Protein backbone atom coordinates (compact mmCIF):
# COMPACT_ATOMS: atom_id res chain seq x y z
CA MET A 1 58.85 151.09 207.46
CA ARG A 2 61.15 152.51 205.32
CA ARG A 3 60.27 151.22 201.37
CA ARG A 4 63.78 149.61 200.15
CA ALA A 5 64.97 150.98 196.54
CA PRO A 6 64.55 148.28 194.11
CA ASP A 7 67.98 148.35 193.52
CA ASP A 8 69.31 147.67 196.54
CA PRO A 9 72.03 144.64 196.91
CA LEU A 10 69.33 142.27 198.34
CA LEU A 11 69.91 139.45 195.53
CA ASP A 12 72.94 137.36 195.32
CA PRO A 13 74.09 138.67 192.27
CA THR A 14 76.74 135.61 191.83
CA VAL A 15 74.16 133.62 191.22
CA PRO A 16 72.32 134.35 187.49
CA ALA A 17 68.65 132.89 186.47
CA LEU A 18 66.88 131.67 183.72
CA LEU A 19 63.57 132.46 182.21
CA ALA A 20 62.74 129.12 181.49
CA LYS A 21 59.44 128.25 179.12
CA VAL A 22 57.80 125.63 176.74
CA GLY A 23 55.50 127.05 174.10
CA GLY A 24 55.91 129.62 172.07
CA TYR A 25 54.15 132.82 172.91
CA PRO A 26 57.07 135.48 172.32
CA GLN A 27 54.43 138.70 173.62
CA HIS A 28 54.19 137.44 177.53
CA HIS A 29 54.73 140.33 180.08
CA GLY A 30 55.02 138.63 182.81
CA GLY A 31 58.67 136.71 181.00
CA LEU A 32 59.65 140.80 180.58
CA GLY A 33 58.55 141.22 184.22
CA VAL A 34 60.99 138.57 185.80
CA VAL A 35 64.02 139.76 183.59
CA ARG A 36 63.28 143.44 184.67
CA SER A 37 62.77 142.52 188.44
CA LEU A 38 66.00 139.94 188.58
CA GLY A 39 67.97 142.59 186.35
CA ARG A 40 67.39 146.03 188.41
CA ALA A 41 68.44 144.00 191.47
CA GLY A 42 71.48 143.38 189.91
CA VAL A 43 71.18 139.52 188.24
CA THR A 44 72.62 138.24 185.74
CA VAL A 45 69.23 137.21 183.68
CA HIS A 46 69.21 134.55 180.78
CA ALA A 47 65.81 133.77 178.62
CA VAL A 48 65.11 131.29 176.67
CA VAL A 49 63.32 132.80 173.62
CA GLU A 50 61.04 131.74 170.30
CA ASP A 51 63.74 134.64 168.58
CA ARG A 52 66.12 137.43 168.69
CA PHE A 53 63.61 139.61 168.06
CA THR A 54 60.91 139.36 170.67
CA PRO A 55 60.23 141.56 173.60
CA VAL A 56 62.30 140.24 175.96
CA ALA A 57 65.35 139.75 173.66
CA LEU A 58 65.29 143.42 173.49
CA SER A 59 65.02 144.10 177.51
CA ARG A 60 68.34 145.60 178.89
CA HIS A 61 68.03 143.27 181.36
CA LEU A 62 68.68 140.79 179.83
CA SER A 63 71.77 138.98 179.81
CA ARG A 64 71.73 136.31 176.28
CA ALA A 65 68.65 135.49 174.91
CA PHE A 66 68.85 131.48 174.18
CA VAL A 67 66.93 130.91 171.04
CA ARG A 68 65.27 127.56 171.50
CA PRO A 69 61.83 128.05 170.26
CA THR A 70 59.42 124.42 171.22
CA THR A 71 55.52 123.63 170.97
CA GLY A 72 55.10 121.64 173.78
CA LEU A 73 54.97 118.31 171.27
CA GLU A 74 58.69 117.52 171.72
CA ARG A 75 59.44 114.83 173.86
CA GLN A 76 60.41 115.39 177.49
CA ASP A 77 63.64 113.74 177.30
CA VAL A 78 64.41 116.41 174.23
CA LEU A 79 63.51 119.43 176.97
CA VAL A 80 65.10 118.46 179.59
CA ALA A 81 68.36 118.00 177.13
CA ALA A 82 67.97 121.35 175.52
CA LEU A 83 67.62 122.78 178.85
CA LEU A 84 70.55 121.32 180.26
CA GLY A 85 72.66 122.29 177.44
CA ILE A 86 71.93 125.62 178.25
CA GLY A 87 72.74 125.37 181.95
CA ARG A 88 75.83 124.36 181.28
CA ALA A 89 76.43 127.09 178.59
CA VAL A 90 75.40 129.71 181.06
CA GLY A 91 78.22 127.66 183.12
CA ALA A 92 77.04 128.34 186.79
CA PRO A 93 74.29 127.24 189.48
CA CYS A 94 71.22 128.64 187.84
CA VAL A 95 67.64 129.74 189.22
CA PRO A 96 65.53 128.73 186.42
CA VAL A 97 61.81 130.93 187.10
CA PRO A 98 58.99 128.62 184.92
CA THR A 99 56.01 130.75 183.45
CA ASP A 100 53.87 128.00 182.17
CA ASP A 101 52.78 125.05 183.44
CA GLU A 102 54.50 122.79 180.97
CA ALA A 103 57.98 124.58 181.74
CA ALA A 104 57.27 124.55 185.93
CA ILE A 105 56.17 120.86 185.61
CA LEU A 106 59.32 119.37 183.55
CA LEU A 107 61.60 121.32 186.02
CA ALA A 108 59.61 119.76 189.07
CA GLU A 109 59.25 116.35 187.54
CA HIS A 110 63.35 115.80 186.10
CA ALA A 111 64.59 118.01 189.31
CA GLU A 112 67.32 114.97 190.15
CA ALA A 113 68.91 115.35 186.45
CA LEU A 114 68.73 119.42 186.26
CA SER A 115 69.72 120.08 189.59
CA GLU A 116 73.51 119.23 187.90
CA CYS A 117 72.76 123.14 186.58
CA PHE A 118 69.92 124.42 188.13
CA LEU A 119 69.02 125.34 192.15
CA LEU A 120 65.04 124.27 192.54
CA PRO A 121 62.46 124.08 194.92
CA ARG A 122 61.79 121.19 196.74
CA VAL A 123 58.47 119.53 195.38
CA SER A 124 57.49 117.21 195.10
CA PRO A 125 57.56 115.26 191.69
CA GLY A 126 53.93 114.67 190.45
CA LEU A 127 52.21 117.87 192.92
CA PRO A 128 52.68 120.77 189.86
CA ARG A 129 51.30 118.51 186.80
CA LEU A 130 48.17 117.48 189.63
CA LEU A 131 47.44 120.93 190.62
CA ALA A 132 47.66 122.80 187.13
CA GLY A 133 45.51 120.39 186.00
CA LYS A 134 41.57 121.24 186.10
CA ALA A 135 39.86 117.86 187.07
CA SER A 136 43.09 117.12 189.29
CA LEU A 137 42.97 120.39 190.94
CA HIS A 138 38.99 120.17 191.70
CA ALA A 139 39.59 116.23 193.04
CA LEU A 140 42.08 117.85 195.26
CA CYS A 141 40.31 120.61 196.74
CA GLU A 142 36.95 118.59 197.15
CA GLU A 143 39.47 115.99 199.30
CA LEU A 144 40.17 118.87 201.22
CA GLY A 145 37.29 120.38 201.75
CA VAL A 146 38.38 123.74 199.51
CA ALA A 147 35.58 125.40 198.07
CA SER A 148 35.80 125.66 194.34
CA PRO A 149 33.38 125.52 191.72
CA ARG A 150 31.45 122.65 190.63
CA THR A 151 33.83 120.99 187.99
CA ARG A 152 32.65 118.15 185.07
CA ALA A 153 35.56 116.39 182.54
CA PRO A 154 32.68 115.09 179.94
CA VAL A 155 34.50 112.18 177.36
CA THR A 156 31.58 112.01 175.01
CA ARG A 157 28.73 114.42 173.38
CA ASP A 158 26.11 112.50 175.68
CA GLU A 159 27.70 113.27 178.80
CA LEU A 160 29.25 117.23 177.45
CA VAL A 161 25.19 117.68 177.32
CA ASP A 162 24.99 116.22 181.36
CA ALA A 163 27.67 118.08 182.21
CA GLY A 164 25.89 122.14 180.50
CA ARG A 165 22.49 121.07 181.88
CA GLU A 166 23.66 120.05 185.16
CA LEU A 167 25.73 122.91 186.40
CA GLY A 168 23.94 125.07 184.14
CA PHE A 169 24.54 127.56 181.13
CA PRO A 170 26.40 129.75 181.09
CA VAL A 171 28.83 127.46 181.70
CA VAL A 172 33.04 127.74 181.12
CA LEU A 173 35.53 125.22 179.37
CA LYS A 174 38.97 124.93 179.32
CA ASN A 175 41.75 122.41 178.59
CA ARG A 176 41.76 119.87 181.41
CA ASP A 177 45.39 119.13 181.58
CA PRO A 178 49.04 120.73 180.83
CA TRP A 179 50.70 119.75 177.88
CA THR A 180 47.13 118.61 176.37
CA ARG A 181 46.27 122.23 175.65
CA LEU A 182 49.30 122.28 173.43
CA ARG A 183 49.07 118.84 172.01
CA ASP A 184 45.08 118.76 171.68
CA PRO A 185 43.58 122.48 172.22
CA ALA A 186 39.66 121.71 173.32
CA VAL A 187 39.19 125.42 172.77
CA GLY A 188 41.67 128.73 172.34
CA GLY A 189 41.46 129.48 176.53
CA THR A 190 39.34 130.01 179.34
CA THR A 191 35.95 130.54 177.79
CA ALA A 192 32.24 130.84 178.60
CA VAL A 193 29.31 129.28 176.45
CA ARG A 194 26.03 130.76 176.79
CA ASP A 195 23.61 127.83 175.28
CA GLU A 196 23.47 124.13 174.50
CA ARG A 197 23.41 124.69 170.72
CA GLY A 198 26.54 126.88 171.06
CA LEU A 199 28.78 124.39 173.52
CA LEU A 200 27.75 121.52 171.06
CA ASP A 201 28.54 123.35 168.30
CA ARG A 202 32.48 123.92 169.22
CA PHE A 203 32.88 119.96 169.34
CA ALA A 204 32.36 117.18 166.40
CA PRO A 205 30.96 114.01 166.99
CA GLY A 206 32.81 111.45 168.78
CA VAL A 207 35.40 111.68 171.17
CA LEU A 208 35.66 114.77 173.01
CA PRO A 209 39.57 116.14 173.12
CA PRO A 210 40.47 116.94 177.32
CA LEU A 211 37.95 119.19 178.22
CA LEU A 212 36.90 120.67 181.49
CA VAL A 213 33.60 122.20 182.15
CA GLN A 214 32.92 124.55 185.37
CA GLU A 215 30.25 126.15 186.90
CA TYR A 216 30.31 130.20 186.22
CA ILE A 217 29.37 132.17 188.72
CA PRO A 218 27.34 135.29 187.51
CA ARG A 219 30.02 138.48 187.11
CA GLU A 220 27.10 140.04 189.17
CA TRP A 221 27.63 137.84 192.04
CA ALA A 222 31.52 137.87 191.77
CA GLU A 223 35.04 139.29 192.48
CA ASP A 224 37.81 137.96 190.99
CA TRP A 225 40.32 138.04 193.42
CA ILE A 226 44.34 136.54 192.81
CA THR A 227 47.11 135.30 195.28
CA HIS A 228 50.41 134.68 194.37
CA LEU A 229 52.96 133.39 197.06
CA TYR A 230 56.36 131.78 197.10
CA CYS A 231 56.94 128.82 199.47
CA GLY A 232 59.95 127.48 201.04
CA GLY A 233 60.37 123.74 202.69
CA GLY A 234 57.37 122.47 203.44
CA GLY A 235 54.94 124.45 201.52
CA GLU A 236 55.52 127.30 204.52
CA PRO A 237 54.79 130.53 202.59
CA ARG A 238 57.47 133.89 202.39
CA VAL A 239 55.78 135.97 200.58
CA ALA A 240 51.95 135.97 200.09
CA PHE A 241 49.98 138.32 198.11
CA THR A 242 46.46 139.26 197.60
CA GLY A 243 44.57 141.50 194.80
CA LEU A 244 41.32 142.35 192.69
CA LYS A 245 41.14 141.50 189.43
CA LEU A 246 39.45 144.60 187.84
CA ARG A 247 39.17 143.90 184.05
CA SER A 248 40.66 141.05 182.00
CA TRP A 249 40.75 140.02 178.00
CA PRO A 250 38.77 138.55 176.91
CA PRO A 251 36.17 140.23 179.60
CA HIS A 252 35.19 138.33 182.86
CA ALA A 253 37.66 135.24 181.31
CA GLY A 254 41.15 136.14 180.35
CA VAL A 255 44.17 137.94 180.99
CA THR A 256 44.08 140.16 183.54
CA THR A 257 44.43 143.42 182.41
CA ARG A 258 43.83 145.60 185.84
CA ALA A 259 44.39 144.77 189.02
CA VAL A 260 45.25 146.09 192.80
CA ALA A 261 46.80 145.17 195.27
CA LEU A 262 44.42 144.73 198.10
CA THR A 263 45.47 143.00 201.37
CA ASN A 264 43.15 140.13 202.13
CA PRO A 265 43.90 138.22 205.54
CA THR A 266 40.74 135.46 204.88
CA LEU A 267 42.36 135.24 201.34
CA ALA A 268 45.99 134.91 202.63
CA LYS A 269 45.21 132.59 205.06
CA LEU A 270 43.28 130.40 202.73
CA ALA A 271 46.00 130.15 200.15
CA ALA A 272 48.78 129.88 202.74
CA ASP A 273 46.81 127.34 204.57
CA LEU A 274 46.48 125.30 201.17
CA CYS A 275 50.15 125.43 200.36
CA ARG A 276 50.94 124.32 203.84
CA ARG A 277 48.62 120.96 203.66
CA ILE A 278 49.73 120.31 200.22
CA GLY A 279 53.75 121.00 201.16
CA TYR A 280 54.06 122.87 198.08
CA SER A 281 57.22 124.59 197.22
CA GLY A 282 58.29 127.26 194.38
CA ALA A 283 56.19 130.35 192.56
CA ALA A 284 52.78 130.14 193.29
CA ASP A 285 49.73 132.22 191.17
CA LEU A 286 46.23 131.01 192.62
CA ASP A 287 42.72 132.26 191.41
CA TRP A 288 39.48 132.28 193.13
CA ARG A 289 36.57 133.68 192.52
CA TYR A 290 34.10 134.91 195.32
CA ASP A 291 30.28 134.09 195.31
CA ARG A 292 28.46 136.83 197.57
CA ARG A 293 25.82 133.69 197.32
CA ASP A 294 27.19 131.81 199.81
CA GLU A 295 30.37 134.20 200.66
CA ARG A 296 32.80 131.50 200.23
CA TYR A 297 36.10 132.50 198.19
CA LYS A 298 35.89 129.45 195.23
CA LEU A 299 39.54 127.95 193.58
CA VAL A 300 39.47 128.48 189.62
CA ASP A 301 43.39 128.31 189.09
CA PHE A 302 46.25 126.95 190.63
CA ASN A 303 49.33 127.41 188.56
CA PRO A 304 51.99 126.37 189.93
CA ARG A 305 54.33 128.53 188.86
CA THR A 306 54.95 132.88 188.46
CA GLY A 307 51.72 134.51 187.21
CA ALA A 308 52.31 136.66 184.49
CA GLN A 309 50.88 139.86 186.55
CA PHE A 310 53.36 139.06 189.66
CA ARG A 311 54.66 142.74 189.22
CA LEU A 312 51.12 143.71 190.42
CA PHE A 313 52.67 142.61 194.08
CA GLU A 314 56.11 144.01 196.28
CA ASN A 315 56.19 144.07 199.90
CA VAL A 316 57.75 147.51 201.56
CA ASP A 317 60.99 145.52 201.48
CA GLY A 318 60.73 145.87 197.51
CA VAL A 319 60.53 142.15 197.12
CA ASP A 320 58.01 140.78 194.74
CA VAL A 321 57.62 136.56 194.25
CA VAL A 322 60.59 135.76 191.71
CA ARG A 323 63.11 138.10 193.91
CA ALA A 324 61.69 135.35 197.42
CA MET A 325 62.43 132.16 195.08
CA HIS A 326 65.71 133.93 194.42
CA LEU A 327 66.38 134.87 197.71
CA ASP A 328 65.22 131.26 199.47
CA LEU A 329 67.21 129.59 196.75
CA THR A 330 70.57 131.49 197.09
CA GLY A 331 70.11 130.84 200.76
CA ARG A 332 69.61 134.15 201.76
CA ASP A 333 66.76 135.70 204.75
CA VAL A 334 64.22 136.44 202.59
CA PRO A 335 62.75 139.46 204.40
CA SER A 336 58.49 139.34 205.21
CA GLY A 337 57.21 142.89 205.61
CA PRO A 338 54.09 143.11 205.13
CA GLN A 339 52.34 144.13 201.23
CA ALA A 340 52.30 147.57 199.68
CA GLU A 341 49.30 148.34 199.27
CA GLY A 342 47.42 150.27 196.40
CA ARG A 343 49.69 149.18 194.02
CA VAL A 344 48.09 148.88 190.46
CA PHE A 345 49.02 146.82 187.11
CA VAL A 346 47.86 147.65 183.69
CA ALA A 347 48.86 145.23 180.40
CA GLY A 348 48.24 148.21 178.10
CA GLN A 349 47.75 147.59 174.85
CA LEU A 350 45.06 144.03 176.16
CA ASP A 351 43.51 147.12 178.37
CA LEU A 352 42.23 148.88 175.63
CA PRO A 353 39.82 145.80 174.26
CA SER A 354 38.98 145.71 178.00
CA VAL A 355 37.32 148.76 178.36
CA MET A 356 35.92 149.41 175.30
CA ALA A 357 33.78 146.34 176.10
CA TRP A 358 32.77 147.59 180.19
CA LEU A 359 31.83 150.95 178.09
CA ARG A 360 29.43 148.91 175.74
CA GLU A 361 27.91 146.74 178.36
CA GLU A 362 27.80 149.23 181.31
CA ARG A 363 27.05 151.99 179.10
CA ARG A 364 30.03 153.86 181.55
CA LEU A 365 34.10 154.48 181.99
CA PRO A 366 35.58 151.77 184.20
CA PRO A 367 36.56 153.02 187.07
CA GLY A 368 40.51 153.73 187.54
CA LEU A 369 41.49 154.94 183.94
CA LEU A 370 44.24 157.45 184.80
CA PRO A 371 47.62 155.76 186.01
CA GLY A 372 48.55 156.40 189.79
CA PRO A 373 52.07 156.99 191.43
CA GLU A 374 51.75 153.31 191.92
CA THR A 375 51.24 151.93 188.79
CA GLU A 376 53.09 149.23 187.15
CA ARG A 377 52.75 148.70 183.40
CA ALA A 378 53.31 145.59 182.27
CA TRP A 379 55.45 147.09 178.97
CA LEU A 380 56.11 150.69 179.14
CA SER A 381 59.61 151.60 180.60
CA ALA A 382 61.02 154.68 180.32
CA GLU A 383 64.56 152.87 181.46
CA ASP A 384 63.93 150.05 178.72
CA PRO A 385 61.88 150.77 176.33
CA LEU A 386 62.77 148.72 172.99
CA PRO A 387 60.10 145.87 175.05
CA ALA A 388 57.60 147.84 174.35
CA ALA A 389 58.03 148.90 171.06
CA ALA A 390 58.77 145.34 169.88
CA GLU A 391 55.80 143.94 170.92
CA THR A 392 53.61 147.30 169.52
CA VAL A 393 55.11 145.95 166.30
CA ARG A 394 53.95 142.42 167.05
CA PHE A 395 50.82 143.60 168.60
CA LEU A 396 49.77 145.79 165.32
CA GLY A 397 51.14 142.49 163.20
CA ALA A 398 48.43 140.50 164.79
CA VAL A 399 45.34 143.03 164.66
CA ALA A 400 46.07 143.41 161.07
CA ARG A 401 46.59 139.63 160.09
CA ARG A 402 43.33 139.70 161.89
CA VAL A 403 41.43 141.88 159.81
CA GLY A 404 42.90 140.99 156.52
CA ARG A 405 41.13 137.08 157.54
CA ALA A 406 37.97 138.97 158.36
CA VAL A 407 38.21 141.05 155.03
CA ARG A 408 39.03 137.49 152.91
CA ALA A 409 36.60 135.35 154.76
CA PRO A 410 33.05 136.95 152.61
CA GLY A 411 35.09 136.60 149.42
CA ASP A 412 36.33 133.13 150.07
CA ALA A 413 32.86 132.19 151.04
CA ARG A 414 31.27 133.81 147.63
CA ARG A 415 33.09 131.61 145.66
CA VAL A 416 32.48 128.69 147.14
């Protein structure tokens, strides 16, 4: 079967797209992937950005950057009004592509008002919030009989201690709900804690911020898998992809830095059946952990939006999750060929510290260091070089600030 070239006239070029986001995260390679994927297919792409010098704003595939910095602390009616203002400025029905849970929830819960300007999946308004919430997702899994790690949502320090002792250390900490991770974060991101003292030291006495404590599946017994889907009406998958996460940063708990596309029919069926049962429509990024102790895939996260590493996956017709969304919402057929096997995704600068962590733990270099012919780089692109340059400047600036704080800290301590 011939693999369709990326620039084949498949998508409707008369319908623009908008990269939609809530909160400040200018160094996000997933957003750049959205702009490049649709732009290369001939679609006019606009983006919400924090400033004019974010990597996404400098992509040659972006038609217009709307500088609308947000924190997630704004009232939802304010955010809806801002999106409508952007949609009216675009001047044509537009496909919004959310890259964070908050934006996906906003689009679903205010679909009636936003449909003035945007083409939206027909999803139950409350479903994205339920899926993005860690505690509510676990409750749904228990109700549907979907395997997931044991989970607790403590409110007090006593309940926190009980959760740690019941689940056993180490445990994994997560922010419990979307929006609260921006307004009242319990942790900076998914965090593994090794013992009870480390757990208690993280939180002051009193009521805890919205927190989830999850069972840690030992990595010697585990494999980290991902499924990316786009589902049409009734939760029917238009495309469904599976892959294996090889490395992440921070190690074993953070952002994917290297992954490979591998066909896994068992996992694809699990994900597709779940989306059908709940009637989910839209893009989805699901994280699973395969537990060799009981030979089950356990659902860790269900992100009701485009995942940061979605460009790992294409089918043999050159269709990824974002292109499938645009095709479906513009009334076009989505080619349903099998996924392209063996593609590798690498998140450049974040993969270097993950390699160093692997080397320190395993005392050997990890496999697959050299890029292959099917390697998709998060940042580097010969035909679109400016985003990688902008990301390098921002990344080095962040490193310099962190080193500066570390150097100043001992002096500050001596002055106290």
